[in-house]
Structures are given as structure tokens and as C-alpha cells.
Protein backbone atom coordinates (compact mmCIF):
# COMPACT_ATOMS: atom_id res chain seq x y z
CA MET A 1 52.22 5.75 21.88
CA ASP A 2 50.47 2.86 23.95
CA LYS A 3 47.56 0.97 22.94
CA LYS A 4 45.27 2.59 25.15
CA GLY A 5 46.50 5.91 23.62
CA LEU A 6 45.90 4.63 20.30
CA SER A 7 42.12 3.63 21.37
CA THR A 8 41.20 6.36 22.34
CA ARG A 9 42.63 8.34 19.27
CA TRP A 10 40.76 6.37 17.15
CA ARG A 11 37.36 6.81 19.19
CA HIS A 12 38.19 10.77 18.96
CA THR A 13 38.51 10.27 15.32
CA LEU A 14 35.72 8.09 14.39
CA LEU A 15 33.85 10.25 16.45
CA ALA A 16 34.65 13.80 14.29
CA LEU A 17 33.63 11.92 11.31
CA SER A 18 30.10 11.13 12.25
CA LEU A 19 29.68 14.59 13.45
CA THR A 20 30.92 15.64 9.58
CA THR A 21 28.70 13.40 7.84
CA LEU A 22 25.74 14.68 9.69
CA CYS A 23 26.47 18.04 9.30
CA ALA A 24 27.15 18.03 5.73
CA HIS A 25 23.36 15.94 5.00
CA GLY A 26 21.57 17.89 7.60
CA ALA A 27 20.41 15.81 10.43
CA ASP A 28 16.86 15.37 9.41
CA GLU A 29 17.69 14.70 5.81
CA PRO A 30 18.31 11.45 4.24
CA SER A 31 21.90 10.76 3.28
CA ALA A 32 21.50 9.91 -0.45
CA GLY A 33 19.45 10.38 -2.87
CA PRO A 34 18.92 13.88 -4.61
CA PRO A 35 17.41 17.08 -2.65
CA ASN A 36 13.46 17.40 -2.40
CA LYS A 37 12.95 14.65 -4.44
CA PRO A 38 9.09 14.23 -4.91
CA ALA A 39 7.32 11.23 -2.89
CA PRO A 40 5.76 8.74 -5.16
CA ALA A 41 1.87 8.65 -5.83
CA VAL A 42 0.66 4.90 -4.23
CA ALA A 43 -2.84 4.45 -6.29
CA GLY A 44 -5.76 4.85 -4.71
CA TRP A 45 -4.64 6.36 -1.32
CA GLN A 46 -5.73 10.14 -2.13
CA ALA A 47 -9.19 9.46 -3.20
CA PHE A 48 -9.30 7.14 0.37
CA VAL A 49 -7.65 9.96 2.76
CA ASP A 50 -9.80 12.35 0.59
CA ARG A 51 -13.43 10.62 1.16
CA LEU A 52 -12.81 10.04 4.71
CA GLU A 53 -11.76 13.91 5.55
CA THR A 54 -15.63 14.72 4.72
CA MET A 55 -16.55 11.98 6.52
CA PRO A 56 -17.70 13.26 10.12
CA GLY A 57 -18.90 16.46 8.69
CA GLU A 58 -21.86 14.22 6.39
CA LEU A 59 -22.48 12.42 9.59
CA LEU A 60 -23.27 15.40 11.60
CA ALA A 61 -25.16 17.18 8.80
CA GLN A 62 -28.00 14.57 9.40
CA LEU A 63 -28.50 15.24 13.02
CA PRO A 64 -30.40 18.03 14.98
CA LYS A 65 -28.82 21.36 15.50
CA ARG A 66 -28.41 20.66 18.77
CA MET A 67 -26.41 17.41 18.26
CA ARG A 68 -24.65 19.00 15.14
CA GLU A 69 -23.07 22.19 17.60
CA ASP A 70 -22.02 19.76 20.63
CA PRO A 71 -18.62 19.49 20.68
CA GLN A 72 -19.15 16.24 22.93
CA ILE A 73 -21.25 15.03 19.68
CA GLN A 74 -18.57 16.09 17.30
CA GLN A 75 -15.87 13.92 18.95
CA GLU A 76 -17.93 10.83 19.30
CA VAL A 77 -18.94 11.27 15.53
CA ALA A 78 -15.26 11.23 14.61
CA ARG A 79 -14.84 8.32 16.81
CA LEU A 80 -17.59 6.11 15.37
CA VAL A 81 -16.11 6.97 12.13
CA LEU A 82 -12.78 5.47 13.27
CA GLN A 83 -14.35 2.26 14.49
CA SER A 84 -16.47 1.74 11.77
CA LEU A 85 -13.02 2.26 9.59
CA THR A 86 -11.27 -0.33 12.07
CA LEU A 87 -13.87 -2.25 11.27
CA SER A 88 -13.96 -2.11 7.94
CA SER A 89 -9.84 -2.50 7.71
CA ILE A 90 -9.65 -6.04 9.57
CA SER A 91 -12.15 -7.23 6.73
CA ALA A 92 -10.13 -5.77 4.05
CA LEU A 93 -6.91 -6.81 5.76
CA GLY A 94 -7.92 -10.29 6.30
CA GLY A 95 -10.67 -11.22 4.10
CA ASP A 96 -10.34 -14.06 1.46
CA GLY A 97 -12.61 -15.62 -0.02
CA ASP A 98 -10.57 -18.62 -0.67
CA HIS A 99 -8.53 -18.13 2.65
CA PRO A 100 -10.96 -17.31 5.02
CA ALA A 101 -11.41 -17.02 9.23
CA PHE A 102 -13.78 -15.92 10.89
CA LEU A 103 -12.78 -12.26 11.92
CA PRO A 104 -13.60 -9.66 14.59
CA GLY A 105 -16.54 -7.77 14.05
CA ILE A 106 -18.49 -5.21 16.15
CA GLY A 107 -18.63 -5.48 19.88
CA GLU A 108 -16.94 -3.21 22.53
CA LEU A 109 -14.49 -1.44 20.87
CA LEU A 110 -15.79 -1.34 17.69
CA ASN A 111 -19.00 -0.47 18.68
CA VAL A 112 -20.69 0.34 15.40
CA GLY A 113 -24.32 -1.35 14.54
CA GLN A 114 -25.54 -1.32 18.33
CA PRO A 115 -23.90 -4.66 19.15
CA ASN A 116 -25.62 -6.63 21.87
CA ALA A 117 -23.78 -6.99 25.22
CA ASP A 118 -23.88 -10.68 25.15
CA THR A 119 -22.82 -11.41 21.93
CA LEU A 120 -19.59 -11.64 20.39
CA TYR A 121 -19.65 -11.56 16.45
CA ARG A 122 -17.30 -12.66 13.87
CA MET A 123 -17.40 -12.54 9.67
CA THR A 124 -16.09 -14.14 7.08
CA PRO A 125 -16.19 -13.60 3.22
CA ILE A 126 -16.48 -17.00 1.17
CA THR A 127 -16.20 -17.15 -2.63
CA PRO A 128 -19.80 -17.83 -3.98
CA GLY A 129 -19.95 -21.63 -5.16
CA GLY A 130 -17.03 -22.92 -3.37
CA THR A 131 -17.09 -25.91 -0.76
CA TYR A 132 -15.97 -25.30 2.83
CA ARG A 133 -15.11 -27.21 5.85
CA LEU A 134 -15.89 -26.14 9.05
CA ARG A 135 -14.71 -28.02 12.70
CA GLY A 136 -14.03 -27.33 16.00
CA LYS A 137 -15.38 -27.61 19.59
CA GLN A 138 -19.36 -26.91 20.01
CA GLY A 139 -19.10 -25.10 23.39
CA SER A 140 -22.13 -24.77 25.99
CA LEU A 141 -23.09 -21.28 24.74
CA ASN A 142 -26.75 -20.12 25.12
CA THR A 143 -26.65 -19.39 21.10
CA ALA A 144 -23.87 -20.13 18.79
CA VAL A 145 -24.94 -19.81 15.16
CA ILE A 146 -23.86 -18.87 11.48
CA GLY A 147 -25.56 -16.87 9.14
CA GLN A 148 -25.47 -16.76 5.35
CA VAL A 149 -25.18 -13.03 4.21
CA GLY A 150 -25.29 -11.56 0.71
CA ALA A 151 -23.36 -9.21 -0.96
CA GLY A 152 -24.64 -5.56 -0.05
CA SER A 153 -23.09 -2.00 0.81
CA PHE A 154 -21.03 -3.50 3.55
CA ASP A 155 -19.58 -5.51 1.08
CA ALA A 156 -18.26 -2.05 -0.68
CA GLY A 157 -19.38 -2.83 -4.26
CA GLY A 158 -21.07 -6.14 -3.91
CA ASP A 159 -24.67 -5.84 -5.02
CA SER A 160 -27.78 -5.85 -2.98
CA ASP A 161 -28.67 -9.46 -4.01
CA HIS A 162 -29.60 -11.28 -0.49
CA PRO A 163 -28.95 -15.28 -0.77
CA GLY A 164 -32.60 -16.15 -0.59
CA ALA A 165 -34.30 -16.17 2.31
CA THR A 166 -32.88 -13.90 4.82
CA ARG A 167 -33.30 -16.65 7.81
CA ASN A 168 -30.92 -19.27 6.97
CA TYR A 169 -28.95 -20.15 9.69
CA LEU A 170 -26.56 -23.45 11.25
CA GLU A 171 -26.44 -23.46 14.95
CA LEU A 172 -23.27 -24.98 16.00
CA GLY A 173 -25.80 -27.01 18.86
CA SER A 174 -27.60 -29.55 16.18
CA LEU A 175 -24.24 -30.81 14.65
CA SER A 176 -23.24 -34.40 15.79
CA THR A 177 -20.17 -34.00 17.85
CA ASP A 178 -17.56 -36.54 19.06
CA SER A 179 -16.69 -37.53 22.39
CA GLU A 180 -14.62 -34.41 23.09
CA GLY A 181 -17.66 -32.32 21.72
CA ARG A 182 -15.78 -31.35 18.39
CA PHE A 183 -17.78 -30.92 15.11
CA ASP A 184 -16.86 -31.02 11.32
CA VAL A 185 -19.57 -30.11 8.76
CA ILE A 186 -19.20 -29.77 4.84
CA LEU A 187 -20.61 -26.39 3.60
CA SER A 188 -21.45 -26.47 -0.49
CA THR A 189 -24.19 -25.43 -2.79
CA GLU A 190 -24.83 -29.05 -3.39
CA ARG A 191 -24.16 -31.85 -1.42
CA PRO A 192 -20.61 -33.72 -2.12
CA GLU A 193 -20.79 -37.27 -3.36
CA ASN A 194 -20.44 -39.88 -0.88
CA HIS A 195 -20.51 -37.61 1.57
CA GLU A 196 -22.26 -38.91 4.77
CA GLY A 197 -21.55 -36.91 7.56
CA ASP A 198 -22.54 -33.19 8.50
CA TRP A 199 -23.94 -31.03 5.60
CA TRP A 200 -24.95 -27.67 5.23
CA GLN A 201 -26.31 -26.05 2.30
CA LEU A 202 -24.98 -22.64 0.84
CA HIS A 203 -27.05 -20.10 -1.32
CA PRO A 204 -25.21 -19.58 -4.75
CA LYS A 205 -24.86 -16.09 -3.75
CA THR A 206 -23.83 -15.99 -0.54
CA HIS A 207 -20.79 -13.91 0.02
CA ARG A 208 -20.40 -13.68 3.78
CA LEU A 209 -20.93 -15.96 6.68
CA LEU A 210 -21.89 -14.44 9.95
CA LEU A 211 -21.02 -15.90 13.24
CA ARG A 212 -22.73 -14.79 16.41
CA LEU A 213 -22.01 -16.28 19.79
CA VAL A 214 -24.31 -15.52 22.67
CA SER A 215 -23.62 -16.00 26.43
CA SER A 216 -25.95 -15.83 28.81
CA ASP A 217 -23.58 -16.37 31.79
CA TRP A 218 -20.22 -15.33 31.40
CA GLY A 219 -18.56 -16.62 33.76
CA GLU A 220 -19.62 -20.25 33.31
CA GLU A 221 -20.65 -20.94 29.55
CA GLU A 222 -17.75 -21.89 27.39
CA ASP A 223 -17.29 -20.40 23.83
CA PRO A 224 -16.89 -22.72 21.09
CA THR A 225 -13.84 -22.87 18.88
CA ILE A 226 -13.92 -22.89 15.10
CA ALA A 227 -12.17 -23.26 12.08
CA ILE A 228 -12.80 -22.64 8.49
CA GLU A 229 -11.20 -23.80 5.65
CA ARG A 230 -11.99 -23.78 1.70
CA LEU A 231 -11.69 -27.54 0.32
CA ASP A 232 -12.19 -26.68 -3.81
CA ALA A 233 -9.11 -24.06 -3.75
CA PRO A 234 -5.25 -24.43 -3.31
CA VAL A 235 -4.29 -24.48 0.33
CA GLU A 236 -1.09 -22.03 -0.37
CA LYS A 237 -2.02 -18.62 -0.10
CA PRO A 238 0.04 -16.52 -3.32
CA ARG A 239 1.33 -12.44 -2.81
CA SER A 240 -1.76 -10.16 -3.86
CA PRO A 241 -1.29 -8.43 -7.22
CA ALA A 242 -1.21 -4.60 -6.88
CA PRO A 243 -4.71 -4.20 -8.50
CA GLU A 244 -6.72 -6.11 -5.47
CA LEU A 245 -4.75 -4.30 -3.28
CA GLU A 246 -5.51 -1.20 -4.79
CA ARG A 247 -9.52 -2.15 -5.10
CA ASP A 248 -9.57 -2.96 -1.39
CA LEU A 249 -8.58 0.21 -0.34
CA ARG A 250 -10.72 2.23 -2.52
CA ARG A 251 -13.44 0.68 -1.18
CA LEU A 252 -12.57 0.97 2.19
CA PRO A 253 -14.59 4.42 2.39
CA GLN A 254 -17.60 3.26 0.75
CA ALA A 255 -17.94 0.54 3.56
CA THR A 256 -16.66 2.87 6.09
CA ALA A 257 -19.35 5.06 5.82
CA PHE A 258 -22.05 2.63 5.31
CA MET A 259 -21.44 1.11 8.35
CA ALA A 260 -20.98 4.36 10.52
CA GLY A 261 -24.38 5.93 8.62
CA MET A 262 -26.37 2.90 9.21
CA PHE A 263 -27.72 3.95 12.34
CA VAL A 264 -26.61 7.56 13.38
CA ASP A 265 -30.05 9.05 13.20
CA LYS A 266 -31.96 6.24 14.59
CA VAL A 267 -32.39 7.96 17.94
CA VAL A 268 -33.92 11.12 15.98
CA GLU A 269 -36.00 9.23 14.24
CA LEU A 270 -37.54 7.41 17.45
CA ARG A 271 -37.66 10.73 19.18
CA ARG A 272 -39.45 12.27 15.98
CA GLU A 273 -42.18 9.33 16.09
CA GLY A 274 -42.70 10.28 19.98
CA TYR A 275 -41.25 7.60 21.88
CA ILE A 276 -39.45 8.88 24.49
CA ASN A 277 -39.64 7.10 27.31
CA GLU A 278 -41.98 4.49 25.70
CA LEU A 279 -41.37 1.31 23.84
CA LYS A 280 -42.14 -0.16 20.86
CA GLU A 281 -41.95 -3.13 18.82
CA PHE A 282 -38.35 -3.26 16.49
CA ASP A 283 -38.87 -5.20 13.43
CA VAL A 284 -35.66 -6.85 12.05
CA SER A 285 -37.13 -9.71 10.77
CA GLY A 286 -36.54 -8.33 6.77
CA THR A 287 -32.31 -7.40 7.94
CA GLY A 288 -30.94 -10.49 9.28
CA GLY A 289 -32.86 -10.93 12.76
CA LEU A 290 -32.59 -14.40 14.23
CA ASP A 291 -35.55 -16.69 14.37
CA GLY A 292 -37.41 -16.55 17.08
CA GLN A 293 -36.35 -13.13 18.33
CA PHE A 294 -38.38 -10.57 19.16
CA TYR A 295 -37.06 -6.68 19.62
CA TYR A 296 -38.65 -3.96 21.46
CA GLU A 297 -36.74 -0.06 21.44
CA GLY A 298 -37.53 3.43 22.19
CA ALA A 299 -35.65 6.65 23.32
CA TYR A 300 -34.80 7.50 26.85
CA ASP A 301 -34.95 11.31 27.91
CA LEU A 302 -33.77 11.32 31.67
CA ALA A 303 -32.64 13.96 34.21
CA GLU A 304 -29.94 13.29 37.22
CA ASP A 305 -32.81 12.68 39.15
CA GLU A 306 -35.10 10.76 37.34
CA ALA A 307 -35.56 7.19 36.54
CA LEU A 308 -37.68 4.16 34.34
CA ILE A 309 -38.79 1.66 35.81
CA LEU A 310 -39.63 -0.90 33.24
CA GLU A 311 -42.18 -3.66 33.19
CA ALA A 312 -43.27 -6.76 32.21
CA LYS A 313 -45.07 -10.36 33.13
CA HIS A 314 -42.31 -12.89 32.47
CA PRO A 315 -43.05 -15.59 29.82
CA GLU A 316 -43.55 -18.94 31.15
CA HIS A 317 -40.33 -20.23 29.07
CA CYS A 318 -37.98 -18.31 27.58
CA GLU A 319 -34.77 -19.44 26.28
CA TYR A 320 -32.94 -15.83 26.35
CA ARG A 321 -33.57 -12.31 27.11
CA SER A 322 -31.48 -9.16 27.33
CA LEU A 323 -31.96 -5.60 27.87
CA ILE A 324 -29.01 -2.90 26.56
CA LEU A 325 -28.75 0.97 26.20
CA THR A 326 -27.27 3.15 23.83
CA ASN A 327 -26.04 6.53 23.57
CA GLU A 328 -27.81 9.50 21.03
CA LEU A 329 -25.44 7.92 18.43
CA TYR A 330 -27.12 4.51 18.34
CA GLN A 331 -23.70 2.97 20.41
CA THR A 332 -24.25 0.24 22.68
CA THR A 333 -23.63 2.13 26.11
CA ASP A 334 -20.23 0.46 27.51
CA TRP A 335 -21.89 -2.71 29.26
CA TYR A 336 -18.11 -3.88 30.37
CA ASN A 337 -17.14 -1.48 32.72
CA ASN A 338 -20.58 -0.40 33.71
CA HIS A 339 -24.12 -1.89 35.04
CA SER A 340 -25.54 -1.04 31.37
CA SER A 341 -26.76 -4.44 30.46
CA LEU A 342 -28.92 -6.97 31.64
CA ASN A 343 -29.70 -10.54 30.52
CA GLY A 344 -31.40 -14.00 31.94
CA SER A 345 -28.65 -14.51 34.20
CA GLN A 346 -28.01 -11.29 35.64
CA ALA A 347 -31.27 -9.91 36.29
CA GLU A 348 -34.04 -12.07 38.45
CA VAL A 349 -37.88 -11.97 37.84
CA ASP A 350 -39.72 -10.66 41.14
CA ALA A 351 -41.77 -13.48 43.43
CA ASP A 352 -45.24 -12.16 41.60
CA GLY A 353 -43.79 -13.17 37.54
CA VAL A 354 -42.92 -9.77 36.70
CA LEU A 355 -39.66 -8.52 35.39
CA ARG A 356 -38.94 -5.34 36.60
CA ILE A 357 -35.65 -3.05 35.21
CA VAL A 358 -34.72 0.63 36.64
CA VAL A 359 -33.23 2.78 34.35
CA SER A 360 -31.12 5.72 35.80
CA GLU A 361 -27.53 7.77 35.86
CA LYS A 362 -27.93 7.42 39.64
CA ASP A 363 -27.44 4.12 41.54
CA PRO A 364 -30.74 2.93 42.88
CA GLY A 365 -29.41 0.09 45.09
CA VAL A 366 -31.21 -2.69 43.45
CA PRO A 367 -30.11 -5.45 41.37
CA ASN A 368 -31.79 -4.94 38.21
CA TRP A 369 -30.25 -1.48 37.19
CA LEU A 370 -29.70 -0.31 33.73
CA ASP A 371 -26.80 2.78 33.86
CA THR A 372 -26.89 5.07 31.75
CA ALA A 373 -23.26 6.16 32.48
CA GLY A 374 -23.26 9.88 31.80
CA TYR A 375 -25.83 9.95 28.33
CA PRO A 376 -28.58 11.54 29.91
CA ARG A 377 -30.65 10.68 26.00
CA GLY A 378 -30.43 7.26 24.28
CA VAL A 379 -32.40 4.11 23.51
CA VAL A 380 -33.52 1.24 25.61
CA GLN A 381 -33.46 -1.87 23.86
CA GLY A 382 -34.51 -5.51 24.78
CA ARG A 383 -35.15 -8.78 23.32
CA TRP A 384 -36.84 -12.13 23.65
CA THR A 385 -35.36 -15.11 22.14
CA HIS A 386 -37.23 -18.30 22.14
CA CYS A 387 -40.03 -17.29 24.57
CA THR A 388 -43.76 -18.55 24.87
CA ASP A 389 -44.19 -14.49 24.79
CA GLN A 390 -43.08 -11.49 23.80
CA PRO A 391 -44.39 -8.87 25.98
CA ILE A 392 -43.34 -5.06 25.47
CA PRO A 393 -42.70 -3.57 29.00
CA SER A 394 -44.54 -0.48 30.20
CA VAL A 395 -42.42 2.43 31.31
CA LYS A 396 -42.72 4.51 34.24
CA LYS A 397 -41.00 7.67 34.99
CA VAL A 398 -40.08 8.40 38.71
CA ALA A 399 -37.90 10.47 41.02
CA VAL A 400 -34.95 7.96 41.44
CA ASP A 401 -34.86 8.63 45.16
CA ARG A 402 -38.06 7.27 45.07
CA VAL A 403 -37.72 3.83 43.24
CA ARG A 404 -38.05 1.84 45.54
CA ASP A 405 -41.64 3.09 46.44
CA HIS A 406 -42.62 1.37 43.18
CA LEU A 407 -40.74 -1.80 43.72
CA PRO A 408 -41.89 -5.20 45.79
CA GLU A 409 -40.99 -4.98 49.13
CA ASP A 410 -38.78 -7.69 49.17
CA THR A 411 -36.24 -6.25 46.48
CA PRO A 412 -33.04 -6.72 47.77
CA GLU A 413 -30.83 -3.36 48.36
CA VAL A 414 -27.28 -3.50 46.60
CA THR A 415 -24.59 -1.23 48.58
CA PRO A 416 -22.59 0.68 46.42
CA ALA A 417 -19.60 -1.91 47.96
CA GLU A 418 -21.48 -4.55 46.60
CA ARG A 419 -22.08 -2.49 43.06
CA GLU A 420 -18.48 -2.13 42.62
CA THR A 421 -17.63 -6.26 43.12
CA LEU A 422 -20.82 -6.83 40.90
CA ILE A 423 -19.04 -4.13 38.09
CA ARG A 424 -15.54 -5.93 38.63
CA GLU A 425 -16.73 -9.70 38.67
CA ARG A 426 -18.73 -9.43 35.55
CA ARG A 427 -16.13 -7.18 33.61
CA ALA A 428 -13.58 -9.91 34.27
CA ASP A 429 -16.24 -12.46 33.20
CA TYR A 430 -16.64 -10.56 30.31
CA GLN A 431 -12.88 -10.32 29.31
CA GLN A 432 -12.19 -13.92 29.59
CA ARG A 433 -14.15 -14.72 26.78
CA PRO A 434 -12.18 -15.12 23.28
CA HIS A 435 -12.84 -11.71 21.93
CA TRP A 436 -9.69 -11.49 19.34
């Protein structure tokens, strides 16, 4: 037999052997081991799964019958739980107070706790009493600030003790920098001996650091860079022992439930209080609100052909302002694919010194428009930060086709083509910020 015939015969033989082996073991069965062997149980996993199974229903039970029975709301509640689980999982997977890093927080994808459209949030755990070093490049944002956070419900097992005063912040802009705009600062409960550089005092019970990066001009301002390390612990990170991994797994549902349920009925409460198409102060000074920041909000309820016009005399000086919308679950309306948020760089004040904002589903063809993006009900929320005045805007409901009757004659017109360009440009600017 020639070489070619021998080679063909061997290929046929090998194919036959392979088919025989496959048939003997079954195409979908493992090739070794006893049949029907029970899978080993992983400690903590079933408790984790069981707790998640009931969570969407528990959240829906807090809502009115109209919302509970709405298939759209049901799926959005399930998505809220998924977003909360993802947020909690990031912390469980990457959070280590001895080997810290600022991990992604709430935002456009992890839409939990009503994130501000202009703010990128980062959080890292730290070990109470540890000594840390921050370094990076300062950037040029409107606001870049770190806050100290005590152990709370979202720490899944921490106590409710806060680190002293709730307003304990470090402004990156206040730090010394070199010729390249780089900073270097030590964080500890007591100033290190012989340390002459920048230092920020940590409360002995601080468990986490929350970084807020606020941009008014998404395309022009530069986000800072930041690195953190613990100085009084070994630089290497050893293998995590099984009890610690199980602990993190068992804590996940508690952290997820806290984040998902934190504001799920907030819009319902505003409606019960009568703040429908009307605004009131929202005081967050006791829950970690920034120094000098004033919030106002109220529920909106609009038909397709209706609009709200918000009016307020603009403060003489204002470092930052914004308006955003939320859905009925208090999740911030998609602002990166819609014209659904406005800040000081995006909304002009009229010649008479009045800030006017239009809220509607249908585009009214004016610059200062907040798009409800398909949500007929939700919340309008605004904030003034470091402003000489903090007015709560008046609210007027009008037919969307008559909006211009209530605006100054010189209000510019925005065509559909121009609006599309605006949205594409703001989305491109927003995506180029360092989100992850």
C-alpha cells in the first residue's frame, strides 16, 4: 500500500475510534467519573441565590397597585435589582482596604441612587486607622472632591456609625501641585512625624472614600487621575482565604437590597405629599450632601401634549447648577442618549436674568429643554452649588405647542436636525470621560 493509502486508512481508523468513544460516554456526558454524581455545594451560594429570588417582588410590594401590575415597571424593577447587584459585586470583587483602588460607582449603567448626570462617582474601602497616600494629576473639573464615609447598610454588615461630621471633604483643587499639575497627599488619623507635605486627617471610623468628579463642560474640562495605596501594610496581596470569600458572598444580598430599595418609593412619596408639577427643597445635609449645595425637586406628571416651564431668577454668582429628570423608580433618566439633563454650560440664562427650562416629551424646539424620554411621570431635580442664592423655580404647565407664548421673544429656535447634532455631540463628549 502506498503512503497516500496508508494515511487515508489511519484517518478513517482514528475517526471510527473517536465516534466509538463518543457513543460509549454520551455526547453530553463527561468522559470520566461515576454517573449522576451530585455536584458539591458551595458554602453561601444557595443563600445568596435564594435572597435574590424574592428581591424584585419585595420592591414591587412597596409601590401602588398601578405600578405593581404594570409589566413595564416590573421589568424595570428587576433591572434595578440587577444594577444594584452589579454595583455591589464590583465592591465585593475589588474592594480591599489594605489594597485599595477607586472603583466605578453609580452612573449611566449602574443607575442606582439617582446619580447626577455631570458626576462620575468612584468609591474605595479603606481600613480604619490605616495610613494612605493619594497621588495623581489635578485636572480642571468644576468639582473634584473626596468624602469620608462611615460603615453603613451598604457595607453589608457594618454598623451605622458615621465618621464624625457628615461634611468631611477633601477638594483636589486645594492641594499643592508641581509644574505638571500633580498632587501627592498623605491620609491618616494623625499627621505623620516629620511629614511636611499635604496631609488630610481621617476619622478613626472611616471605612470608605467617595470620590465625586463633577464636570460642567464635558468636552473641555479634564478629569483628574488618581491612585491610592496603603503605606502601613505589605504591598503584596496574598490569596484570599475561603472564609473571607464566603463572607463577601453572603453580604452581597444585603448590600444589593439596600441600594435597590433606597429610593424605589421616593416618587410615590412626593406624589402623596402633593408635590406634583411643583417643587420643594430636598435637604440632604445630613446624608452626605456636599458643602454649599442646595437641592430642590418635585414629581412631574405630563401628557404627551403638555409641558412644564420652570423659571427662577438666576443667582448673581453660581459655581455650578444642574437640572435632571428621573423615572418613577427615581432612576436618573438616560441623559447620554437624550437631551435630559442641563447644567451651567448647557442651559443659557435669558437676557432678563431668568433661567427658564422646558420639560416635555415632545421637543418644543428651544435650547433649554429636558426630554422626559418616554416617561410620563417622574421627578424634576435641580441643584445650586456655591451660589449666592438658592431659588426654588416656579412651575407652570402649558400645552407644548404653546410653549413659546410663555418664553421671551428672542428665545432661539432649535430645529430637529440641530437637536440631533446636539445630542450626538454631548454623547461623544460624555463618552470620552474616563468612566471605567
